Protein backbone atom coordinates (compact mmCIF):
# COMPACT_ATOMS: atom_id res chain seq x y z
CA UNK A 1 102.09 -137.49 -21.26
CA UNK A 2 106.00 -138.47 -19.72
CA UNK A 3 104.75 -141.40 -18.37
CA UNK A 4 103.78 -142.96 -21.94
CA UNK A 5 106.79 -142.03 -23.44
CA UNK A 6 108.17 -144.41 -20.87
CA UNK A 7 105.62 -146.99 -21.58
CA UNK A 8 105.26 -146.75 -24.75
CA UNK A 9 109.04 -145.30 -26.51
CA UNK A 10 108.91 -146.27 -30.12
CA UNK A 11 105.68 -145.53 -29.99
CA UNK A 12 104.84 -142.02 -30.62
CA UNK A 13 104.24 -139.87 -33.22
CA UNK A 14 105.06 -135.36 -33.36
CA UNK A 15 102.72 -134.22 -35.41
CA UNK A 16 103.08 -130.67 -37.18
CA UNK A 17 102.19 -128.06 -39.09
CA UNK A 18 98.76 -128.16 -38.72
CA UNK A 19 95.60 -125.52 -39.20
CA UNK A 20 95.22 -124.22 -35.29
CA UNK A 21 91.24 -125.26 -35.80
CA UNK A 22 92.68 -129.37 -35.49
CA UNK A 23 91.06 -130.89 -32.81
CA UNK A 24 92.30 -134.27 -31.02
CA UNK A 25 88.88 -135.13 -32.28
CA UNK A 26 90.08 -135.20 -35.50
CA UNK A 27 93.74 -136.35 -35.52
CA UNK A 28 91.17 -139.65 -33.81
CA UNK A 29 89.79 -140.19 -36.62
CA UNK A 30 92.58 -139.96 -38.75
CA UNK A 31 95.45 -141.63 -37.25
CA UNK A 32 92.94 -144.39 -35.72
CA UNK A 33 93.42 -145.73 -39.85
CA UNK A 34 96.92 -146.62 -38.86
CA UNK A 35 96.73 -148.91 -35.66
CA UNK A 36 95.12 -148.70 -32.40
CA UNK A 37 95.61 -145.34 -30.15
CA UNK A 38 96.42 -144.60 -26.70
CA UNK A 39 96.70 -140.87 -26.61
CA UNK A 40 96.62 -137.67 -28.19
CA UNK A 41 97.24 -134.61 -27.69
CA UNK A 42 96.86 -131.39 -29.56
CA UNK A 43 98.50 -128.76 -27.94
CA UNK A 44 96.86 -125.62 -27.83
CA UNK A 45 96.70 -122.01 -26.90
CA UNK A 46 94.84 -120.04 -24.99
CA UNK A 47 93.08 -117.80 -27.14
CA UNK A 48 93.84 -119.01 -31.35
CA UNK A 49 93.11 -122.12 -30.84
CA UNK A 50 96.19 -124.98 -31.60
CA UNK A 51 99.76 -124.73 -31.21
CA UNK A 52 99.52 -126.39 -34.62
CA UNK A 53 101.44 -129.10 -33.70
CA UNK A 54 100.74 -132.62 -31.34
CA UNK A 55 101.52 -136.02 -30.53
CA UNK A 56 99.92 -139.29 -31.05
CA UNK A 57 100.86 -142.44 -28.89
CA UNK A 58 100.29 -145.69 -30.83
CA UNK A 59 99.88 -149.33 -29.07
CA UNK A 60 102.78 -150.61 -31.52
CA UNK A 61 106.03 -149.67 -33.32
CA UNK A 62 104.16 -151.09 -36.71
CA UNK A 63 101.66 -148.77 -36.38
CA UNK A 64 103.65 -145.97 -36.11
CA UNK A 65 105.59 -147.21 -39.57
CA UNK A 66 101.75 -147.44 -41.11
CA UNK A 67 100.88 -143.44 -39.90
CA UNK A 68 104.32 -141.99 -41.16
CA UNK A 69 104.04 -143.74 -44.47
CA UNK A 70 100.48 -143.19 -44.87
CA UNK A 71 99.75 -140.22 -43.53
CA UNK A 72 103.13 -137.92 -43.46
CA UNK A 73 102.24 -134.61 -46.30
CA UNK A 74 98.21 -135.44 -45.78
CA UNK A 75 96.53 -132.30 -46.19
CA UNK A 76 94.38 -131.42 -43.01
CA UNK A 77 92.24 -128.55 -42.73
CA UNK A 78 94.19 -127.49 -46.47
CA UNK A 79 97.46 -127.91 -44.34
CA UNK A 80 100.06 -130.36 -45.23
CA UNK A 81 101.22 -131.88 -42.27
CA UNK A 82 104.28 -133.65 -41.30
CA UNK A 83 104.73 -136.48 -39.13
CA UNK A 84 107.71 -137.99 -37.42
CA UNK A 85 109.26 -140.08 -34.54
CA UNK A 86 109.19 -138.25 -31.73
CA UNK A 87 112.29 -137.24 -29.81
CA UNK A 88 112.52 -136.28 -26.42
CA UNK A 89 115.10 -133.25 -25.24
CA UNK A 90 117.42 -134.75 -24.91
CA UNK A 91 117.92 -137.07 -27.78
CA UNK A 92 117.32 -133.76 -30.37
CA UNK A 93 120.13 -132.27 -28.34
CA UNK A 94 122.37 -135.12 -28.91
CA UNK A 95 121.42 -135.08 -32.91
CA UNK A 96 121.83 -131.72 -33.43
CA UNK A 97 125.78 -131.79 -31.74
CA UNK A 98 126.08 -134.47 -33.74
CA UNK A 99 125.10 -133.15 -37.00
CA UNK A 100 127.18 -129.68 -35.75
CA UNK A 101 130.27 -132.57 -35.56
CA UNK A 102 129.37 -133.80 -38.93
CA UNK A 103 129.57 -130.54 -40.03
CA UNK A 104 133.06 -129.22 -38.61
CA UNK A 105 134.32 -132.39 -40.07
CA UNK A 106 133.03 -132.09 -43.65
CA UNK A 107 134.59 -128.23 -43.64
CA UNK A 108 138.09 -129.27 -42.13
CA UNK A 109 138.22 -132.02 -44.86
CA UNK A 110 137.18 -130.21 -47.70
CA UNK A 111 139.62 -127.51 -46.77
CA UNK A 112 142.52 -130.02 -46.12
CA UNK A 113 141.82 -131.87 -48.53
CA UNK A 114 142.42 -129.62 -51.86
CA UNK A 115 145.68 -127.52 -49.80
CA UNK A 116 147.97 -127.56 -52.10
CA UNK A 117 146.93 -129.23 -55.46
CA UNK A 118 146.54 -127.51 -58.87
CA UNK A 119 143.74 -126.79 -60.54
CA UNK A 120 143.30 -126.40 -64.08
CA UNK A 121 140.20 -124.24 -65.98
CA UNK A 122 140.39 -125.01 -69.81
CA UNK A 123 139.99 -122.02 -72.06
CA UNK A 124 140.62 -119.79 -69.06
CA UNK A 125 141.78 -116.74 -70.85
CA UNK A 126 138.45 -117.58 -73.74
CA UNK A 127 136.62 -117.43 -70.72
CA UNK A 128 138.12 -114.14 -69.54
CA UNK A 129 138.48 -112.09 -72.45
CA UNK A 130 134.55 -113.09 -72.79
CA UNK A 131 133.71 -111.80 -68.97
CA UNK A 132 135.88 -108.38 -69.20
CA UNK A 133 133.97 -107.62 -73.06
CA UNK A 134 130.41 -108.33 -71.13
CA UNK A 135 131.62 -105.84 -68.43
CA UNK A 136 133.03 -103.47 -70.43
CA UNK A 137 136.57 -104.30 -69.62
CA UNK A 138 139.54 -104.17 -70.91
CA UNK A 139 141.59 -107.52 -72.04
CA UNK A 140 145.05 -108.00 -70.16
CA UNK A 141 147.21 -107.93 -74.30
CA UNK A 142 145.66 -104.22 -74.59
CA UNK A 143 146.06 -102.95 -71.09
CA UNK A 144 149.26 -103.76 -72.01
CA UNK A 145 149.79 -102.31 -75.01
CA UNK A 146 147.83 -99.13 -73.91
CA UNK A 147 150.73 -98.90 -71.49
CA UNK A 148 153.67 -98.81 -73.45
CA UNK A 149 151.55 -96.40 -75.41
CA UNK A 150 151.34 -93.94 -72.14
CA UNK A 151 154.97 -95.12 -71.98
CA UNK A 152 156.59 -94.63 -74.63
CA UNK A 153 154.93 -90.98 -75.45
CA UNK A 154 156.14 -89.96 -71.45
CA UNK A 155 159.86 -90.79 -72.72
CA UNK A 156 159.04 -88.81 -75.71
CA UNK A 157 158.05 -85.65 -73.65
CA UNK A 158 161.36 -85.78 -71.64
CA UNK A 159 163.84 -86.46 -74.90
CA UNK A 160 161.94 -83.17 -75.80
CA UNK A 161 162.13 -81.21 -72.86
CA UNK A 162 166.06 -82.95 -72.42
CA UNK A 163 166.80 -80.96 -76.09
CA UNK A 164 164.94 -78.04 -75.41
CA UNK A 165 166.84 -77.48 -72.06
CA UNK A 166 170.16 -78.70 -73.76
CA UNK A 167 169.47 -76.07 -76.41
CA UNK A 168 168.18 -73.07 -73.72
CA UNK A 169 171.52 -73.52 -72.39
CA UNK A 170 173.44 -73.52 -75.33
CA UNK A 171 171.82 -70.50 -76.74
CA UNK A 172 172.50 -68.73 -73.11
CA UNK A 173 176.26 -66.49 -73.12
CA UNK A 174 178.21 -67.64 -70.48
CA UNK A 175 179.00 -65.17 -68.02
């Protein structure tokens, strides 16, 4: 298979997600409609049939493009098949590293792009009030008034305590 990849690097397909009962003959029947085939390989598990993927090598790149265009997503033994360009391990690893770098760059751009930006959300108080009511929470205004009432009650309590203390100390004769 490595020899075929050297000779036909642009004319190789990766076929995935097919039923374990699919054979090379079945793939040949379907893919020969796209163009002349050099070889087909279905990876096989010993006891359960195929592993669900394989490779098709065409003579020309045009046949590969026709196969992808016409056969990608087809049903083969009641399974929808994925067909794509074959990539070597080095190409896949290189693509993964590039994707990781792109993701990290996007993440970094996203955090620095909006740093120090003021956000204005209209109707924020109305939406906060509606959300707090829906959750059974009190609005900031009602909490503030309850705290003020509690403070007033405590102040009145301490004023009464101070008044009682001054009355009791005035009623007790000095010795």
